[in-house]
Amino acid sequence: MSEIEESNDQLGRGLIKMAIIAFLHFV
């Protein structure tokens, strides 16, 4: 369970970073 949660955390952070980068590019 912990390993899956950690991978999900990393994926979530990656998506957030991509969203922020895309937002900064559009602004």
Protein backbone atom coordinates (compact mmCIF):
# COMPACT_ATOMS: atom_id res chain seq x y z
CA MET A 1 0.00 0.00 0.00
CA SER A 2 2.72 2.48 0.96
CA GLU A 3 4.59 1.96 -2.32
CA ILE A 4 1.40 2.55 -4.33
CA GLU A 5 0.63 5.68 -2.30
CA GLU A 6 4.16 7.00 -2.91
CA SER A 7 3.90 6.40 -6.67
CA ASN A 8 0.51 8.14 -6.69
CA ASP A 9 2.07 11.08 -4.82
CA GLN A 10 4.84 11.34 -7.41
CA LEU A 11 2.31 11.19 -10.27
CA GLY A 12 0.17 13.85 -8.62
CA ARG A 13 3.16 16.14 -8.11
CA GLY A 14 4.23 15.60 -11.73
CA LEU A 15 0.75 16.51 -13.00
CA ILE A 16 0.68 19.61 -10.79
CA LYS A 17 4.12 20.69 -12.06
CA MET A 18 3.03 20.14 -15.68
CA ALA A 19 -0.16 22.14 -15.06
CA ILE A 20 1.81 25.02 -13.52
CA ILE A 21 4.34 25.01 -16.37
CA ALA A 22 1.56 24.98 -18.99
CA PHE A 23 -0.23 27.78 -17.12
CA LEU A 24 2.94 29.89 -17.02
CA HIS A 25 3.50 29.29 -20.75
CA PHE A 26 -0.03 30.44 -21.61
CA VAL A 27 0.12 33.54 -19.41
